[in-house]
Amino acid sequence: MSILLSNKSKEYLKKSNTSNFLVDIDFIEEPCTQIYNPTIEKIKDVDLEKYNDFEKVSKDNLILFLSDWFIKIYGKLEEYELDLNGFLKKRLTIKNIDPIIKNTCKVN
């Protein structure tokens, strides 16, 4: 498993001075629809101990901690392509994974 960084994400990581991130799932449920969306969140140094048992992917001083739920839904990827998105509030995203949208209503 490896990490590929876009130029924008490299600049963001240098400026933010953060090297630990949690890769998890944001789950949204609406009538007849379930959406599983991959997320990346900064991990504060004081909280780092909570994630010791998580699967890790690293490159240089960057570490991605993969939640069990993320691995269950998406599996382990060969490569995690990180990019920077957002207009006002910049955040890292995984470029090579699309949300999973499930229709939960039975249509005859």
N, C-alpha and C. Protein backbone atom coordinates (compact mmCIF):
# COMPACT_ATOMS: atom_id res chain seq x y z
N MET A 1 0.85 -1.17 0.00
CA MET A 1 0.00 0.00 0.00
C MET A 1 0.90 1.24 0.00
N SER A 2 0.51 2.22 -0.80
CA SER A 2 1.30 3.44 -0.88
C SER A 2 0.38 4.66 -0.94
N ILE A 3 1.00 5.83 -0.83
CA ILE A 3 0.27 7.10 -0.85
C ILE A 3 0.82 7.95 -1.99
N LEU A 4 -0.08 8.47 -2.81
CA LEU A 4 0.29 9.38 -3.88
C LEU A 4 -0.29 10.74 -3.54
N LEU A 5 0.54 11.77 -3.53
CA LEU A 5 0.12 13.12 -3.14
C LEU A 5 0.11 14.05 -4.35
N SER A 6 -0.97 14.80 -4.51
CA SER A 6 -0.99 15.85 -5.53
C SER A 6 -0.12 17.00 -5.04
N ASN A 7 0.25 17.90 -5.94
CA ASN A 7 1.06 19.06 -5.54
C ASN A 7 0.33 19.91 -4.51
N LYS A 8 -0.99 20.09 -4.69
CA LYS A 8 -1.77 20.89 -3.74
C LYS A 8 -1.77 20.25 -2.35
N SER A 9 -1.89 18.91 -2.31
CA SER A 9 -1.91 18.25 -1.00
C SER A 9 -0.54 18.31 -0.33
N LYS A 10 0.54 18.27 -1.11
CA LYS A 10 1.89 18.41 -0.54
C LYS A 10 2.04 19.78 0.11
N GLU A 11 1.60 20.84 -0.58
CA GLU A 11 1.69 22.19 -0.03
C GLU A 11 0.85 22.31 1.24
N TYR A 12 -0.36 21.75 1.21
CA TYR A 12 -1.25 21.79 2.37
C TYR A 12 -0.60 21.12 3.58
N LEU A 13 0.00 19.95 3.36
CA LEU A 13 0.63 19.22 4.46
C LEU A 13 1.80 20.00 5.04
N LYS A 14 2.57 20.67 4.20
CA LYS A 14 3.68 21.49 4.70
C LYS A 14 3.16 22.63 5.56
N LYS A 15 2.11 23.30 5.08
CA LYS A 15 1.56 24.46 5.81
C LYS A 15 0.85 24.05 7.09
N SER A 16 0.14 22.93 7.06
CA SER A 16 -0.66 22.54 8.22
C SER A 16 0.17 21.90 9.33
N ASN A 17 1.38 21.43 8.97
CA ASN A 17 2.26 20.81 9.96
C ASN A 17 1.57 19.64 10.68
N THR A 18 0.76 18.90 9.95
CA THR A 18 0.06 17.73 10.48
C THR A 18 0.50 16.51 9.68
N SER A 19 0.73 15.42 10.36
CA SER A 19 1.20 14.23 9.64
C SER A 19 0.37 12.99 9.90
N ASN A 20 -0.63 13.05 10.81
CA ASN A 20 -1.44 11.88 11.14
C ASN A 20 -2.90 12.14 10.79
N PHE A 21 -3.47 11.22 10.00
CA PHE A 21 -4.84 11.38 9.54
C PHE A 21 -5.59 10.06 9.66
N LEU A 22 -6.88 10.17 9.99
CA LEU A 22 -7.76 9.01 10.06
C LEU A 22 -8.55 8.92 8.76
N VAL A 23 -8.52 7.77 8.13
CA VAL A 23 -9.33 7.51 6.94
C VAL A 23 -10.53 6.70 7.42
N ASP A 24 -11.72 7.26 7.25
CA ASP A 24 -12.92 6.66 7.80
C ASP A 24 -14.06 6.79 6.80
N ILE A 25 -15.27 6.46 7.22
CA ILE A 25 -16.46 6.52 6.38
C ILE A 25 -17.46 7.49 7.01
N ASP A 26 -18.03 8.34 6.18
CA ASP A 26 -19.15 9.18 6.58
C ASP A 26 -20.40 8.49 6.03
N PHE A 27 -21.31 8.12 6.93
CA PHE A 27 -22.51 7.38 6.52
C PHE A 27 -23.72 8.29 6.58
N ILE A 28 -24.43 8.38 5.46
CA ILE A 28 -25.65 9.19 5.37
C ILE A 28 -26.79 8.27 4.96
N GLU A 29 -27.91 8.37 5.66
CA GLU A 29 -29.07 7.56 5.29
C GLU A 29 -30.27 8.47 5.11
N GLU A 30 -30.88 8.37 3.97
CA GLU A 30 -32.08 9.12 3.63
C GLU A 30 -33.11 8.11 3.15
N PRO A 31 -34.38 8.54 2.96
CA PRO A 31 -35.37 7.57 2.48
C PRO A 31 -34.89 6.89 1.20
N CYS A 32 -34.82 5.58 1.25
CA CYS A 32 -34.45 4.72 0.11
C CYS A 32 -32.99 4.84 -0.31
N THR A 33 -32.15 5.54 0.44
CA THR A 33 -30.76 5.71 0.02
C THR A 33 -29.81 5.62 1.20
N GLN A 34 -28.71 4.91 0.99
CA GLN A 34 -27.60 4.89 1.93
C GLN A 34 -26.36 5.33 1.17
N ILE A 35 -25.58 6.22 1.77
CA ILE A 35 -24.38 6.73 1.12
C ILE A 35 -23.19 6.50 2.05
N TYR A 36 -22.16 5.83 1.52
CA TYR A 36 -20.91 5.61 2.24
C TYR A 36 -19.85 6.47 1.55
N ASN A 37 -19.37 7.48 2.24
CA ASN A 37 -18.44 8.42 1.66
C ASN A 37 -17.12 8.39 2.44
N PRO A 38 -15.99 8.13 1.78
CA PRO A 38 -14.71 8.11 2.50
C PRO A 38 -14.31 9.50 2.97
N THR A 39 -13.75 9.60 4.17
CA THR A 39 -13.33 10.88 4.73
C THR A 39 -11.90 10.78 5.27
N ILE A 40 -11.26 11.93 5.36
CA ILE A 40 -9.94 12.03 5.98
C ILE A 40 -10.02 13.14 7.02
N GLU A 41 -9.63 12.80 8.25
CA GLU A 41 -9.68 13.76 9.34
C GLU A 41 -8.31 13.83 10.02
N LYS A 42 -7.93 15.03 10.42
CA LYS A 42 -6.68 15.20 11.17
C LYS A 42 -6.80 14.52 12.52
N ILE A 43 -5.71 13.92 12.96
CA ILE A 43 -5.64 13.33 14.30
C ILE A 43 -4.71 14.21 15.12
N LYS A 44 -5.20 14.70 16.23
CA LYS A 44 -4.38 15.50 17.14
C LYS A 44 -3.37 14.59 17.84
N ASP A 45 -2.21 15.12 18.12
CA ASP A 45 -1.16 14.34 18.76
C ASP A 45 -1.61 13.74 20.09
N VAL A 46 -2.43 14.48 20.84
CA VAL A 46 -2.90 13.97 22.14
C VAL A 46 -3.83 12.77 21.98
N ASP A 47 -4.46 12.62 20.81
CA ASP A 47 -5.39 11.51 20.56
C ASP A 47 -4.73 10.33 19.84
N LEU A 48 -3.48 10.46 19.49
CA LEU A 48 -2.80 9.48 18.67
C LEU A 48 -2.81 8.07 19.25
N GLU A 49 -2.75 7.97 20.56
CA GLU A 49 -2.70 6.66 21.22
C GLU A 49 -3.95 5.82 20.93
N LYS A 50 -5.09 6.48 20.71
CA LYS A 50 -6.35 5.77 20.42
C LYS A 50 -6.27 4.94 19.14
N TYR A 51 -5.37 5.31 18.25
CA TYR A 51 -5.32 4.70 16.92
C TYR A 51 -4.16 3.72 16.74
N ASN A 52 -3.51 3.33 17.82
CA ASN A 52 -2.36 2.44 17.75
C ASN A 52 -2.66 1.11 17.06
N ASP A 53 -3.87 0.58 17.24
CA ASP A 53 -4.21 -0.73 16.69
C ASP A 53 -4.79 -0.68 15.28
N PHE A 54 -4.93 0.50 14.71
CA PHE A 54 -5.48 0.65 13.36
C PHE A 54 -4.44 0.25 12.31
N GLU A 55 -4.92 -0.22 11.19
CA GLU A 55 -4.05 -0.47 10.03
C GLU A 55 -3.46 0.86 9.60
N LYS A 56 -2.16 0.87 9.25
CA LYS A 56 -1.50 2.12 8.89
C LYS A 56 -0.89 2.04 7.49
N VAL A 57 -0.92 3.19 6.81
CA VAL A 57 -0.23 3.36 5.54
C VAL A 57 0.60 4.62 5.71
N SER A 58 1.88 4.57 5.32
CA SER A 58 2.72 5.74 5.54
C SER A 58 3.60 6.06 4.34
N LYS A 59 3.96 7.33 4.28
CA LYS A 59 4.90 7.82 3.27
C LYS A 59 5.64 8.98 3.92
N ASP A 60 6.96 8.88 3.96
CA ASP A 60 7.78 9.89 4.63
C ASP A 60 7.25 10.08 6.05
N ASN A 61 6.83 11.28 6.42
CA ASN A 61 6.31 11.48 7.79
C ASN A 61 4.78 11.53 7.83
N LEU A 62 4.12 11.17 6.73
CA LEU A 62 2.66 11.13 6.67
C LEU A 62 2.16 9.73 7.01
N ILE A 63 1.20 9.65 7.93
CA ILE A 63 0.62 8.35 8.30
C ILE A 63 -0.90 8.44 8.17
N LEU A 64 -1.48 7.49 7.43
CA LEU A 64 -2.92 7.33 7.33
C LEU A 64 -3.32 6.14 8.20
N PHE A 65 -4.23 6.36 9.13
CA PHE A 65 -4.77 5.30 9.96
C PHE A 65 -6.12 4.90 9.37
N LEU A 66 -6.27 3.64 8.99
CA LEU A 66 -7.49 3.16 8.33
C LEU A 66 -8.43 2.56 9.37
N SER A 67 -9.65 3.09 9.43
CA SER A 67 -10.63 2.55 10.38
C SER A 67 -11.08 1.17 9.90
N ASP A 68 -11.55 0.36 10.84
CA ASP A 68 -12.06 -0.98 10.50
C ASP A 68 -13.23 -0.87 9.54
N TRP A 69 -14.08 0.13 9.76
CA TRP A 69 -15.25 0.31 8.91
C TRP A 69 -14.84 0.66 7.47
N PHE A 70 -13.82 1.50 7.33
CA PHE A 70 -13.32 1.83 6.00
C PHE A 70 -12.82 0.57 5.30
N ILE A 71 -12.04 -0.24 6.00
CA ILE A 71 -11.51 -1.47 5.40
C ILE A 71 -12.64 -2.43 5.05
N LYS A 72 -13.65 -2.51 5.90
CA LYS A 72 -14.79 -3.41 5.62
C LYS A 72 -15.54 -2.98 4.36
N ILE A 73 -15.74 -1.67 4.18
CA ILE A 73 -16.51 -1.16 3.03
C ILE A 73 -15.67 -1.11 1.76
N TYR A 74 -14.45 -0.59 1.84
CA TYR A 74 -13.63 -0.36 0.64
C TYR A 74 -12.45 -1.33 0.50
N GLY A 75 -12.11 -2.02 1.56
CA GLY A 75 -10.94 -2.89 1.51
C GLY A 75 -9.66 -2.09 1.61
N LYS A 76 -8.54 -2.78 1.49
CA LYS A 76 -7.24 -2.12 1.49
C LYS A 76 -6.86 -1.82 0.04
N LEU A 77 -6.51 -0.60 -0.23
CA LEU A 77 -6.16 -0.19 -1.58
C LEU A 77 -4.66 -0.32 -1.81
N GLU A 78 -4.28 -0.53 -3.05
CA GLU A 78 -2.86 -0.55 -3.38
C GLU A 78 -2.26 0.84 -3.24
N GLU A 79 -3.07 1.86 -3.57
CA GLU A 79 -2.58 3.23 -3.52
C GLU A 79 -3.69 4.17 -3.05
N TYR A 80 -3.34 5.12 -2.20
CA TYR A 80 -4.27 6.14 -1.72
C TYR A 80 -3.85 7.47 -2.34
N GLU A 81 -4.66 7.97 -3.29
CA GLU A 81 -4.34 9.21 -3.98
C GLU A 81 -5.00 10.37 -3.23
N LEU A 82 -4.19 11.20 -2.59
CA LEU A 82 -4.71 12.31 -1.82
C LEU A 82 -4.65 13.60 -2.62
N ASP A 83 -5.74 14.36 -2.53
CA ASP A 83 -5.82 15.65 -3.20
C ASP A 83 -6.46 16.64 -2.24
N LEU A 84 -6.39 17.90 -2.58
CA LEU A 84 -6.95 18.96 -1.74
C LEU A 84 -8.20 19.51 -2.40
N ASN A 85 -9.29 19.58 -1.63
CA ASN A 85 -10.56 20.12 -2.13
C ASN A 85 -11.08 21.17 -1.17
N GLY A 86 -12.09 21.90 -1.64
CA GLY A 86 -12.72 22.91 -0.82
C GLY A 86 -12.32 24.30 -1.25
N PHE A 87 -13.28 25.20 -1.19
CA PHE A 87 -13.02 26.57 -1.61
C PHE A 87 -12.51 27.41 -0.42
N LEU A 88 -13.31 27.51 0.61
CA LEU A 88 -12.90 28.26 1.79
C LEU A 88 -12.21 27.38 2.82
N LYS A 89 -12.81 26.25 3.09
CA LYS A 89 -12.25 25.32 4.06
C LYS A 89 -11.56 24.18 3.31
N LYS A 90 -10.26 24.21 3.26
CA LYS A 90 -9.48 23.20 2.54
C LYS A 90 -9.42 21.92 3.35
N ARG A 91 -9.57 20.79 2.63
CA ARG A 91 -9.45 19.49 3.30
C ARG A 91 -8.94 18.45 2.33
N LEU A 92 -8.26 17.47 2.87
CA LEU A 92 -7.75 16.37 2.06
C LEU A 92 -8.88 15.43 1.70
N THR A 93 -8.81 14.88 0.50
CA THR A 93 -9.77 13.87 0.06
C THR A 93 -9.01 12.74 -0.62
N ILE A 94 -9.65 11.59 -0.68
CA ILE A 94 -9.08 10.46 -1.42
C ILE A 94 -9.65 10.51 -2.82
N LYS A 95 -8.80 10.76 -3.77
CA LYS A 95 -9.20 11.00 -5.16
C LYS A 95 -9.63 9.73 -5.89
N ASN A 96 -9.07 8.61 -5.56
CA ASN A 96 -9.32 7.38 -6.31
C ASN A 96 -10.40 6.49 -5.70
N ILE A 97 -11.27 7.06 -4.86
CA ILE A 97 -12.40 6.30 -4.30
C ILE A 97 -13.66 7.13 -4.46
N ASP A 98 -14.69 6.52 -5.01
CA ASP A 98 -15.99 7.19 -5.14
C ASP A 98 -16.91 6.74 -4.02
N PRO A 99 -17.84 7.61 -3.62
CA PRO A 99 -18.84 7.19 -2.63
C PRO A 99 -19.65 6.00 -3.14
N ILE A 100 -20.12 5.19 -2.23
CA ILE A 100 -21.00 4.08 -2.57
C ILE A 100 -22.42 4.52 -2.23
N ILE A 101 -23.30 4.47 -3.22
CA ILE A 101 -24.69 4.87 -3.04
C ILE A 101 -25.56 3.63 -3.25
N LYS A 102 -26.35 3.28 -2.23
CA LYS A 102 -27.20 2.10 -2.31
C LYS A 102 -28.67 2.52 -2.28
N ASN A 103 -29.46 1.96 -3.19
CA ASN A 103 -30.90 2.13 -3.18
C ASN A 103 -31.47 1.05 -2.27
N THR A 104 -32.13 1.44 -1.20
CA THR A 104 -32.63 0.47 -0.23
C THR A 104 -34.13 0.18 -0.36
N CYS A 105 -34.79 0.84 -1.30
CA CYS A 105 -36.21 0.61 -1.51
C CYS A 105 -36.39 -0.48 -2.58
N LYS A 106 -37.37 -1.33 -2.37
CA LYS A 106 -37.66 -2.36 -3.36
C LYS A 106 -38.57 -1.76 -4.43
N VAL A 107 -38.12 -1.85 -5.66
CA VAL A 107 -38.91 -1.33 -6.79
C VAL A 107 -39.38 -2.52 -7.61
N ASN A 108 -40.69 -2.60 -7.85
CA ASN A 108 -41.24 -3.72 -8.64
C ASN A 108 -41.37 -3.34 -10.09
